[in-house]
Amino acid sequence: MRNYWSALSLISCFVLLSSCTSVSLAKCTPSKPIPFPNGVAQPDGSVGYIANGADGIDALDLLTGKTLWSSDEASRPLLVAKDRLVASSVEITSTNTLRISVLDTKQNGKLLYHSSVSFPLWVEIGPANNNSLSMDVSLEPINDDCVVVIGWQAQSRYKGGAAPPEWIEQRDARNTSGVVYIDLYTGKVETLNTPHTTNIDATPSLSDQSSWRFEQNAREAFAIGGRVYYLVDSTADAAAGQTALKARDLSSGKLLWETTLRNQRNIKIPPPL
């Protein structure tokens, strides 16, 4: 009888563990960032996270345009994963190192952890982006874990003045790529030197479609939940670097709200792969 109950207990534990694994995987839904002007948004269109131009991030209520909270733990929003915001910034002491920060969106951007991602020494991360660094971010279930996947590619060319001989151009030319895995819940980092491909569809941008240009100097237009959000640089206050973030109804074009941002012109987001 004792052997019977021992076997039954083992079977129960196995079933329970399998169920837990299934639940864990079910909660990790593959996803790509929902693009928002100079940032990303919640999939339901309730909140937008934007680089605020002061090396920080603002969380905006997309119904009213009001700021919900701000954080200086990171400077570039990358991806929303449930109640977590994955963001990045450049390590001050190392220009080839990206600091990945995960913030709790339910606790006013409370920092959960930092992880560091190092690129080859010749890669310079920052506003200049002289290496033409491109990044692609997604959330994917891998080996029973919920993983933030960052695919990247960097190129470097001769930086001198006059055109150099061909052999110098070839010597200075570099082109490399790789992929980084970051466990969403632990922050553990794994780097691979092979390119990563994903079958997850990205949300298209409206920025390149002239029909969505509602007014002069409009840029970074993205449609989310029946609305379009975009930036407009002020020509009257160019010295102050003022930029307006506006929201319009996608069908009627009616202006719903606008808010003033600063220093948005100096923000340079690496292009997607």
C-alpha atoms as a PDB file:
ATOM      1  CA  MET A   1       0.000   0.000   0.000  1.00  0.00           C
ATOM      2  CA  ARG A   2       2.867   2.321   0.841  1.00  0.00           C
ATOM      3  CA  ASN A   3       4.350   1.778  -2.631  1.00  0.00           C
ATOM      4  CA  TYR A   4       0.958   2.560  -4.176  1.00  0.00           C
ATOM      5  CA  TRP A   5       0.707   5.948  -2.443  1.00  0.00           C
ATOM      6  CA  SER A   6       4.351   6.739  -3.214  1.00  0.00           C
ATOM      7  CA  ALA A   7       3.753   6.083  -6.903  1.00  0.00           C
ATOM      8  CA  LEU A   8       0.552   8.126  -6.806  1.00  0.00           C
ATOM      9  CA  SER A   9       2.413  11.023  -5.176  1.00  0.00           C
ATOM     10  CA  LEU A  10       5.111  10.933  -7.839  1.00  0.00           C
ATOM     11  CA  ILE A  11       2.496  10.950 -10.591  1.00  0.00           C
ATOM     12  CA  SER A  12       0.696  13.879  -8.927  1.00  0.00           C
ATOM     13  CA  CYS A  13       3.931  15.837  -8.646  1.00  0.00           C
ATOM     14  CA  PHE A  14       4.731  15.162 -12.302  1.00  0.00           C
ATOM     15  CA  VAL A  15       1.284  16.304 -13.410  1.00  0.00           C
ATOM     16  CA  LEU A  16       1.507  19.388 -11.195  1.00  0.00           C
ATOM     17  CA  LEU A  17       4.921  20.348 -12.564  1.00  0.00           C
ATOM     18  CA  SER A  18       3.724  19.815 -16.123  1.00  0.00           C
ATOM     19  CA  SER A  19       0.711  22.011 -15.437  1.00  0.00           C
ATOM     20  CA  CYS A  20       2.887  24.694 -13.943  1.00  0.00           C
ATOM     21  CA  THR A  21       5.168  24.586 -16.981  1.00  0.00           C
ATOM     22  CA  SER A  22       2.184  24.836 -19.313  1.00  0.00           C
ATOM     23  CA  VAL A  23       0.820  27.814 -17.391  1.00  0.00           C
ATOM     24  CA  SER A  24       4.249  29.472 -17.480  1.00  0.00           C
ATOM     25  CA  LEU A  25       4.468  29.028 -21.252  1.00  0.00           C
ATOM     26  CA  ALA A  26       0.881  30.167 -21.766  1.00  0.00           C
ATOM     27  CA  LYS A  27       1.643  33.387 -19.897  1.00  0.00           C
ATOM     28  CA  CYS A  28       4.622  34.085 -22.139  1.00  0.00           C
ATOM     29  CA  THR A  29       2.895  35.136 -25.325  1.00  0.00           C
ATOM     30  CA  PRO A  30       5.276  35.850 -28.231  1.00  0.00           C
ATOM     31  CA  SER A  31       5.108  39.552 -29.044  1.00  0.00           C
ATOM     32  CA  LYS A  32       6.835  42.482 -30.694  1.00  0.00           C
ATOM     33  CA  PRO A  33       6.912  46.099 -29.476  1.00  0.00           C
ATOM     34  CA  ILE A  34       3.847  48.252 -30.164  1.00  0.00           C
ATOM     35  CA  PRO A  35       5.502  51.308 -31.761  1.00  0.00           C
ATOM     36  CA  PHE A  36       4.823  54.736 -30.278  1.00  0.00           C
ATOM     37  CA  PRO A  37       6.570  58.048 -31.092  1.00  0.00           C
ATOM     38  CA  ASN A  38      10.094  57.696 -29.655  1.00  0.00           C
ATOM     39  CA  GLY A  39       8.929  54.745 -27.587  1.00  0.00           C
ATOM     40  CA  VAL A  40       6.472  51.875 -27.211  1.00  0.00           C
ATOM     41  CA  ALA A  41       2.904  51.408 -25.980  1.00  0.00           C
ATOM     42  CA  GLN A  42       0.803  48.929 -24.040  1.00  0.00           C
ATOM     43  CA  PRO A  43      -0.870  46.437 -26.426  1.00  0.00           C
ATOM     44  CA  ASP A  44      -4.313  47.704 -25.340  1.00  0.00           C
ATOM     45  CA  GLY A  45      -3.389  51.301 -26.171  1.00  0.00           C
ATOM     46  CA  SER A  46      -3.882  52.553 -22.611  1.00  0.00           C
ATOM     47  CA  VAL A  47      -0.359  53.785 -21.838  1.00  0.00           C
ATOM     48  CA  GLY A  48       2.551  55.003 -23.954  1.00  0.00           C
ATOM     49  CA  TYR A  49       6.181  55.029 -22.835  1.00  0.00           C
ATOM     50  CA  ILE A  50       8.329  57.707 -24.426  1.00  0.00           C
ATOM     51  CA  ALA A  51      11.976  58.784 -24.208  1.00  0.00           C
ATOM     52  CA  ASN A  52      11.644  62.182 -22.538  1.00  0.00           C
ATOM     53  CA  GLY A  53      14.788  63.837 -23.902  1.00  0.00           C
ATOM     54  CA  ALA A  54      16.325  64.125 -20.419  1.00  0.00           C
ATOM     55  CA  ASP A  55      17.851  60.620 -20.345  1.00  0.00           C
ATOM     56  CA  GLY A  56      14.666  59.240 -18.831  1.00  0.00           C
ATOM     57  CA  ILE A  57      11.280  57.754 -19.698  1.00  0.00           C
ATOM     58  CA  ASP A  58       7.770  59.156 -19.232  1.00  0.00           C
ATOM     59  CA  ALA A  59       4.650  56.990 -18.977  1.00  0.00           C
ATOM     60  CA  LEU A  60       1.678  58.759 -20.585  1.00  0.00           C
ATOM     61  CA  ASP A  61      -2.039  58.120 -20.198  1.00  0.00           C
ATOM     62  CA  LEU A  62      -3.061  57.818 -23.864  1.00  0.00           C
ATOM     63  CA  LEU A  63      -6.647  58.792 -23.073  1.00  0.00           C
ATOM     64  CA  THR A  64      -5.664  62.232 -21.766  1.00  0.00           C
ATOM     65  CA  GLY A  65      -1.970  62.720 -22.614  1.00  0.00           C
ATOM     66  CA  LYS A  66      -1.079  63.291 -18.961  1.00  0.00           C
ATOM     67  CA  THR A  67       2.126  61.935 -17.428  1.00  0.00           C
ATOM     68  CA  LEU A  68       1.522  59.012 -15.072  1.00  0.00           C
ATOM     69  CA  TRP A  69       5.085  58.581 -13.879  1.00  0.00           C
ATOM     70  CA  SER A  70       8.694  59.170 -14.906  1.00  0.00           C
ATOM     71  CA  SER A  71      11.887  57.169 -14.464  1.00  0.00           C
ATOM     72  CA  ASP A  72      15.570  58.011 -14.865  1.00  0.00           C
ATOM     73  CA  GLU A  73      16.649  54.351 -14.683  1.00  0.00           C
ATOM     74  CA  ALA A  74      16.712  54.068 -18.500  1.00  0.00           C
ATOM     75  CA  SER A  75      16.430  56.338 -21.517  1.00  0.00           C
ATOM     76  CA  ARG A  76      14.888  54.256 -24.326  1.00  0.00           C
ATOM     77  CA  PRO A  77      11.728  52.106 -24.059  1.00  0.00           C
ATOM     78  CA  LEU A  78      12.092  48.812 -25.944  1.00  0.00           C
ATOM     79  CA  LEU A  79       9.206  46.467 -25.174  1.00  0.00           C
ATOM     80  CA  VAL A  80       6.167  46.069 -22.918  1.00  0.00           C
ATOM     81  CA  ALA A  81       5.817  42.555 -21.478  1.00  0.00           C
ATOM     82  CA  LYS A  82       2.721  42.264 -19.277  1.00  0.00           C
ATOM     83  CA  ASP A  83       3.354  44.563 -16.302  1.00  0.00           C
ATOM     84  CA  ARG A  84       7.018  45.073 -17.158  1.00  0.00           C
ATOM     85  CA  LEU A  85       8.715  47.646 -19.335  1.00  0.00           C
ATOM     86  CA  VAL A  86      12.016  46.597 -20.900  1.00  0.00           C
ATOM     87  CA  ALA A  87      14.187  49.650 -21.587  1.00  0.00           C
ATOM     88  CA  SER A  88      17.810  50.508 -22.315  1.00  0.00           C
ATOM     89  CA  SER A  89      20.498  53.102 -21.751  1.00  0.00           C
ATOM     90  CA  VAL A  90      24.215  53.409 -22.475  1.00  0.00           C
ATOM     91  CA  GLU A  91      26.650  52.472 -19.727  1.00  0.00           C
ATOM     92  CA  ILE A  92      28.511  55.650 -18.746  1.00  0.00           C
ATOM     93  CA  THR A  93      31.828  53.853 -18.275  1.00  0.00           C
ATOM     94  CA  SER A  94      31.680  51.739 -21.460  1.00  0.00           C
ATOM     95  CA  THR A  95      30.440  53.037 -24.821  1.00  0.00           C
ATOM     96  CA  ASN A  96      30.115  49.504 -26.228  1.00  0.00           C
ATOM     97  CA  THR A  97      27.849  48.290 -23.403  1.00  0.00           C
ATOM     98  CA  LEU A  98      24.076  48.575 -23.306  1.00  0.00           C
ATOM     99  CA  ARG A  99      22.343  48.525 -19.949  1.00  0.00           C
ATOM    100  CA  ILE A 100      18.972  46.779 -20.046  1.00  0.00           C
ATOM    101  CA  SER A 101      16.547  47.807 -17.297  1.00  0.00           C
ATOM    102  CA  VAL A 102      13.230  46.201 -16.432  1.00  0.00           C
ATOM    103  CA  LEU A 103      10.658  48.460 -14.732  1.00  0.00           C
ATOM    104  CA  ASP A 104       7.400  47.553 -13.006  1.00  0.00           C
ATOM    105  CA  THR A 105       4.644  49.463 -14.814  1.00  0.00           C
ATOM    106  CA  LYS A 106       2.163  48.774 -11.987  1.00  0.00           C
ATOM    107  CA  GLN A 107       4.442  50.377  -9.397  1.00  0.00           C
ATOM    108  CA  ASN A 108       5.200  53.706 -11.110  1.00  0.00           C
ATOM    109  CA  GLY A 109       8.243  52.421 -12.948  1.00  0.00           C
ATOM    110  CA  LYS A 110       9.959  50.785  -9.978  1.00  0.00           C
ATOM    111  CA  LEU A 111      13.278  49.267 -11.036  1.00  0.00           C
ATOM    112  CA  LEU A 112      13.284  45.469 -10.881  1.00  0.00           C
ATOM    113  CA  TYR A 113      16.803  44.855 -12.203  1.00  0.00           C
ATOM    114  CA  HIS A 114      19.603  45.934 -14.535  1.00  0.00           C
ATOM    115  CA  SER A 115      21.427  43.650 -16.973  1.00  0.00           C
ATOM    116  CA  SER A 116      24.444  44.539 -19.101  1.00  0.00           C
ATOM    117  CA  VAL A 117      24.931  43.595 -22.752  1.00  0.00           C
ATOM    118  CA  SER A 118      28.399  44.089 -24.253  1.00  0.00           C
ATOM    119  CA  PHE A 119      29.056  44.451 -27.977  1.00  0.00           C
ATOM    120  CA  PRO A 120      32.449  44.246 -29.770  1.00  0.00           C
ATOM    121  CA  LEU A 121      34.877  46.922 -28.603  1.00  0.00           C
ATOM    122  CA  TRP A 122      34.629  48.905 -31.862  1.00  0.00           C
ATOM    123  CA  VAL A 123      30.851  49.357 -31.518  1.00  0.00           C
ATOM    124  CA  GLU A 124      29.938  52.756 -30.099  1.00  0.00           C
ATOM    125  CA  ILE A 125      26.442  53.063 -28.641  1.00  0.00           C
ATOM    126  CA  GLY A 126      24.941  56.502 -28.244  1.00  0.00           C
ATOM    127  CA  PRO A 127      23.211  59.399 -30.019  1.00  0.00           C
ATOM    128  CA  ALA A 128      25.830  59.491 -32.795  1.00  0.00           C
ATOM    129  CA  ASN A 129      25.360  55.794 -33.565  1.00  0.00           C
ATOM    130  CA  ASN A 130      28.402  55.944 -35.850  1.00  0.00           C
ATOM    131  CA  ASN A 131      28.355  52.176 -36.290  1.00  0.00           C
ATOM    132  CA  SER A 132      24.876  52.051 -37.833  1.00  0.00           C
ATOM    133  CA  LEU A 133      23.679  49.811 -35.000  1.00  0.00           C
ATOM    134  CA  SER A 134      20.322  48.183 -35.738  1.00  0.00           C
ATOM    135  CA  MET A 135      18.259  46.282 -33.184  1.00  0.00           C
ATOM    136  CA  ASP A 136      15.200  44.050 -33.198  1.00  0.00           C
ATOM    137  CA  VAL A 137      13.445  43.239 -29.914  1.00  0.00           C
ATOM    138  CA  SER A 138      10.848  40.573 -29.179  1.00  0.00           C
ATOM    139  CA  LEU A 139       9.448  38.493 -26.335  1.00  0.00           C
ATOM    140  CA  GLU A 140       9.525  34.730 -26.906  1.00  0.00           C
ATOM    141  CA  PRO A 141       9.080  31.493 -24.901  1.00  0.00           C
ATOM    142  CA  ILE A 142      12.381  29.591 -25.082  1.00  0.00           C
ATOM    143  CA  ASN A 143      13.104  26.388 -23.115  1.00  0.00           C
ATOM    144  CA  ASP A 144      10.211  27.030 -20.706  1.00  0.00           C
ATOM    145  CA  ASP A 145      11.457  30.563 -20.002  1.00  0.00           C
ATOM    146  CA  CYS A 146      10.030  33.951 -20.967  1.00  0.00           C
ATOM    147  CA  VAL A 147      12.895  35.560 -22.877  1.00  0.00           C
ATOM    148  CA  VAL A 148      13.557  39.049 -24.215  1.00  0.00           C
ATOM    149  CA  VAL A 149      15.341  38.477 -27.523  1.00  0.00           C
ATOM    150  CA  ILE A 150      17.518  41.270 -28.922  1.00  0.00           C
ATOM    151  CA  GLY A 151      18.831  40.690 -32.429  1.00  0.00           C
ATOM    152  CA  TRP A 152      21.448  43.213 -33.513  1.00  0.00           C
ATOM    153  CA  GLN A 153      23.730  44.183 -36.391  1.00  0.00           C
ATOM    154  CA  ALA A 154      26.546  46.744 -36.407  1.00  0.00           C
ATOM    155  CA  GLN A 155      28.597  48.192 -39.234  1.00  0.00           C
ATOM    156  CA  SER A 156      31.627  50.445 -39.203  1.00  0.00           C
ATOM    157  CA  ARG A 157      33.324  52.386 -41.968  1.00  0.00           C
ATOM    158  CA  TYR A 158      36.376  54.629 -42.376  1.00  0.00           C
ATOM    159  CA  LYS A 159      35.840  57.842 -40.379  1.00  0.00           C
ATOM    160  CA  GLY A 160      38.576  60.038 -41.794  1.00  0.00           C
ATOM    161  CA  GLY A 161      38.180  63.178 -43.901  1.00  0.00           C
ATOM    162  CA  ALA A 162      39.421  62.728 -47.469  1.00  0.00           C
ATOM    163  CA  ALA A 163      38.605  59.542 -49.343  1.00  0.00           C
ATOM    164  CA  PRO A 164      41.252  56.943 -48.409  1.00  0.00           C
ATOM    165  CA  PRO A 165      42.816  54.259 -50.606  1.00  0.00           C
ATOM    166  CA  GLU A 166      40.634  51.200 -51.113  1.00  0.00           C
ATOM    167  CA  TRP A 167      42.812  49.019 -48.915  1.00  0.00           C
ATOM    168  CA  ILE A 168      42.248  51.380 -45.935  1.00  0.00           C
ATOM    169  CA  GLU A 169      38.494  51.338 -46.493  1.00  0.00           C
ATOM    170  CA  GLN A 170      38.535  47.542 -46.532  1.00  0.00           C
ATOM    171  CA  ARG A 171      40.722  47.465 -43.414  1.00  0.00           C
ATOM    172  CA  ASP A 172      38.331  49.684 -41.435  1.00  0.00           C
ATOM    173  CA  ALA A 173      35.126  48.095 -42.704  1.00  0.00           C
ATOM    174  CA  ARG A 174      33.394  45.895 -40.141  1.00  0.00           C
ATOM    175  CA  ASN A 175      30.051  44.141 -40.219  1.00  0.00           C
ATOM    176  CA  THR A 176      28.895  41.793 -37.482  1.00  0.00           C
ATOM    177  CA  SER A 177      25.660  40.631 -35.896  1.00  0.00           C
ATOM    178  CA  GLY A 178      24.398  38.525 -33.030  1.00  0.00           C
ATOM    179  CA  VAL A 179      21.573  37.841 -30.635  1.00  0.00           C
ATOM    180  CA  VAL A 180      21.103  38.360 -26.916  1.00  0.00           C
ATOM    181  CA  TYR A 181      18.725  36.390 -24.680  1.00  0.00           C
ATOM    182  CA  ILE A 182      17.589  37.991 -21.408  1.00  0.00           C
ATOM    183  CA  ASP A 183      15.346  36.083 -19.013  1.00  0.00           C
ATOM    184  CA  LEU A 184      12.425  38.441 -18.323  1.00  0.00           C
ATOM    185  CA  TYR A 185      12.113  37.418 -14.674  1.00  0.00           C
ATOM    186  CA  THR A 186      15.710  36.828 -13.584  1.00  0.00           C
ATOM    187  CA  GLY A 187      17.721  39.149 -15.840  1.00  0.00           C
ATOM    188  CA  LYS A 188      20.134  36.355 -16.807  1.00  0.00           C
ATOM    189  CA  VAL A 189      21.938  37.199 -20.071  1.00  0.00           C
ATOM    190  CA  GLU A 190      23.103  34.832 -22.804  1.00  0.00           C
ATOM    191  CA  THR A 191      24.860  36.110 -25.931  1.00  0.00           C
ATOM    192  CA  LEU A 192      25.211  34.285 -29.255  1.00  0.00           C
ATOM    193  CA  ASN A 193      27.199  35.241 -32.346  1.00  0.00           C
ATOM    194  CA  THR A 194      24.591  33.953 -34.765  1.00  0.00           C
ATOM    195  CA  PRO A 195      21.811  36.117 -36.270  1.00  0.00           C
ATOM    196  CA  HIS A 196      18.328  35.599 -34.870  1.00  0.00           C
ATOM    197  CA  THR A 197      15.206  35.372 -36.988  1.00  0.00           C
ATOM    198  CA  THR A 198      11.628  35.679 -35.762  1.00  0.00           C
ATOM    199  CA  ASN A 199       8.259  34.944 -37.330  1.00  0.00           C
ATOM    200  CA  ILE A 200       6.447  37.466 -35.139  1.00  0.00           C
ATOM    201  CA  ASP A 201       4.801  40.195 -37.220  1.00  0.00           C
ATOM    202  CA  ALA A 202       5.701  43.774 -36.337  1.00  0.00           C
ATOM    203  CA  THR A 203       3.179  46.611 -36.154  1.00  0.00           C
ATOM    204  CA  PRO A 204       3.580  48.808 -39.259  1.00  0.00           C
ATOM    205  CA  SER A 205       4.438  52.480 -38.962  1.00  0.00           C
ATOM    206  CA  LEU A 206       2.408  55.229 -40.597  1.00  0.00           C
ATOM    207  CA  SER A 207       5.423  57.538 -40.679  1.00  0.00           C
ATOM    208  CA  ASP A 208       6.224  56.894 -44.325  1.00  0.00           C
ATOM    209  CA  GLN A 209       2.673  57.256 -45.603  1.00  0.00           C
ATOM    210  CA  SER A 210       2.043  60.849 -46.662  1.00  0.00           C
ATOM    211  CA  SER A 211      -1.722  60.438 -46.321  1.00  0.00           C
ATOM    212  CA  TRP A 212      -1.275  60.359 -42.539  1.00  0.00           C
ATOM    213  CA  ARG A 213       0.650  63.625 -42.421  1.00  0.00           C
ATOM    214  CA  PHE A 214      -1.953  65.715 -40.610  1.00  0.00           C
ATOM    215  CA  GLU A 215       0.124  68.871 -40.515  1.00  0.00           C
ATOM    216  CA  GLN A 216       3.464  70.367 -41.445  1.00  0.00           C
ATOM    217  CA  ASN A 217       6.538  69.034 -39.606  1.00  0.00           C
ATOM    218  CA  ALA A 218       4.637  65.939 -38.385  1.00  0.00           C
ATOM    219  CA  ARG A 219       6.722  62.786 -37.905  1.00  0.00           C
ATOM    220  CA  GLU A 220       6.791  59.454 -36.071  1.00  0.00           C
ATOM    221  CA  ALA A 221       3.107  58.641 -36.712  1.00  0.00           C
ATOM    222  CA  PHE A 222       1.715  55.390 -35.305  1.00  0.00           C
ATOM    223  CA  ALA A 223      -1.847  54.069 -35.167  1.00  0.00           C
ATOM    224  CA  ILE A 224      -2.975  52.337 -31.961  1.00  0.00           C
ATOM    225  CA  GLY A 225      -6.554  51.381 -31.148  1.00  0.00           C
ATOM    226  CA  GLY A 226      -8.358  53.736 -33.522  1.00  0.00           C
ATOM    227  CA  ARG A 227      -6.080  56.687 -32.806  1.00  0.00           C
ATOM    228  CA  VAL A 228      -2.958  58.066 -34.419  1.00  0.00           C
ATOM    229  CA  TYR A 229      -0.142  59.534 -32.320  1.00  0.00           C
ATOM    230  CA  TYR A 230       2.618  61.675 -33.808  1.00  0.00           C
ATOM    231  CA  LEU A 231       5.220  64.366 -33.095  1.00  0.00           C
ATOM    232  CA  VAL A 232       5.302  67.923 -34.455  1.00  0.00           C
ATOM    233  CA  ASP A 233       8.469  70.001 -34.105  1.00  0.00           C
ATOM    234  CA  SER A 234       7.853  73.668 -33.353  1.00  0.00           C
ATOM    235  CA  THR A 235       9.338  76.065 -35.904  1.00  0.00           C
ATOM    236  CA  ALA A 236       8.655  79.089 -33.701  1.00  0.00           C
ATOM    237  CA  ASP A 237      10.660  77.766 -30.756  1.00  0.00           C
ATOM    238  CA  ALA A 238      13.400  75.855 -32.510  1.00  0.00           C
ATOM    239  CA  ALA A 239      16.079  77.062 -30.097  1.00  0.00           C
ATOM    240  CA  ALA A 240      14.207  75.583 -27.133  1.00  0.00           C
ATOM    241  CA  GLY A 241      13.711  72.311 -28.969  1.00  0.00           C
ATOM    242  CA  GLN A 242       9.997  72.115 -28.238  1.00  0.00           C
ATOM    243  CA  THR A 243       7.994  69.278 -29.753  1.00  0.00           C
ATOM    244  CA  ALA A 244       4.282  68.514 -29.455  1.00  0.00           C
ATOM    245  CA  LEU A 245       2.915  65.004 -29.074  1.00  0.00           C
ATOM    246  CA  LYS A 246      -0.575  64.867 -30.556  1.00  0.00           C
ATOM    247  CA  ALA A 247      -3.395  62.333 -30.637  1.00  0.00           C
ATOM    248  CA  ARG A 248      -6.124  62.299 -33.293  1.00  0.00           C
ATOM    249  CA  ASP A 249      -9.079  60.090 -34.070  1.00  0.00           C
ATOM    250  CA  LEU A 250      -7.974  57.835 -36.916  1.00  0.00           C
ATOM    251  CA  SER A 251     -11.304  58.022 -38.757  1.00  0.00           C
ATOM    252  CA  SER A 252     -12.329  61.662 -38.399  1.00  0.00           C
ATOM    253  CA  GLY A 253      -8.926  63.277 -37.867  1.00  0.00           C
ATOM    254  CA  LYS A 254     -10.295  65.159 -34.833  1.00  0.00           C
ATOM    255  CA  LEU A 255      -7.585  66.385 -32.452  1.00  0.00           C
ATOM    256  CA  LEU A 256      -8.099  64.626 -29.105  1.00  0.00           C
ATOM    257  CA  TRP A 257      -5.231  66.057 -27.084  1.00  0.00           C
ATOM    258  CA  GLU A 258      -1.699  67.377 -27.312  1.00  0.00           C
ATOM    259  CA  THR A 259       1.134  67.807 -24.862  1.00  0.00           C
ATOM    260  CA  THR A 260       4.471  69.613 -25.080  1.00  0.00           C
ATOM    261  CA  LEU A 261       7.727  67.691 -24.914  1.00  0.00           C
ATOM    262  CA  ARG A 262      11.299  68.940 -24.870  1.00  0.00           C
ATOM    263  CA  ASN A 263      14.527  67.795 -26.533  1.00  0.00           C
ATOM    264  CA  GLN A 264      12.825  65.200 -28.739  1.00  0.00           C
ATOM    265  CA  ARG A 265      14.854  66.255 -31.787  1.00  0.00           C
ATOM    266  CA  ASN A 266      18.079  64.977 -30.233  1.00  0.00           C
ATOM    267  CA  ILE A 267      16.720  61.469 -29.626  1.00  0.00           C
ATOM    268  CA  LYS A 268      18.026  58.951 -32.138  1.00  0.00           C
ATOM    269  CA  ILE A 269      16.492  55.494 -32.041  1.00  0.00           C
ATOM    270  CA  PRO A 270      18.532  52.720 -33.739  1.00  0.00           C
ATOM    271  CA  PRO A 271      16.566  51.447 -36.740  1.00  0.00           C
ATOM    272  CA  PRO A 272      15.055  47.952 -36.752  1.00  0.00           C
ATOM    273  CA  LEU A 273      16.818  45.106 -38.527  1.00  0.00           C
END
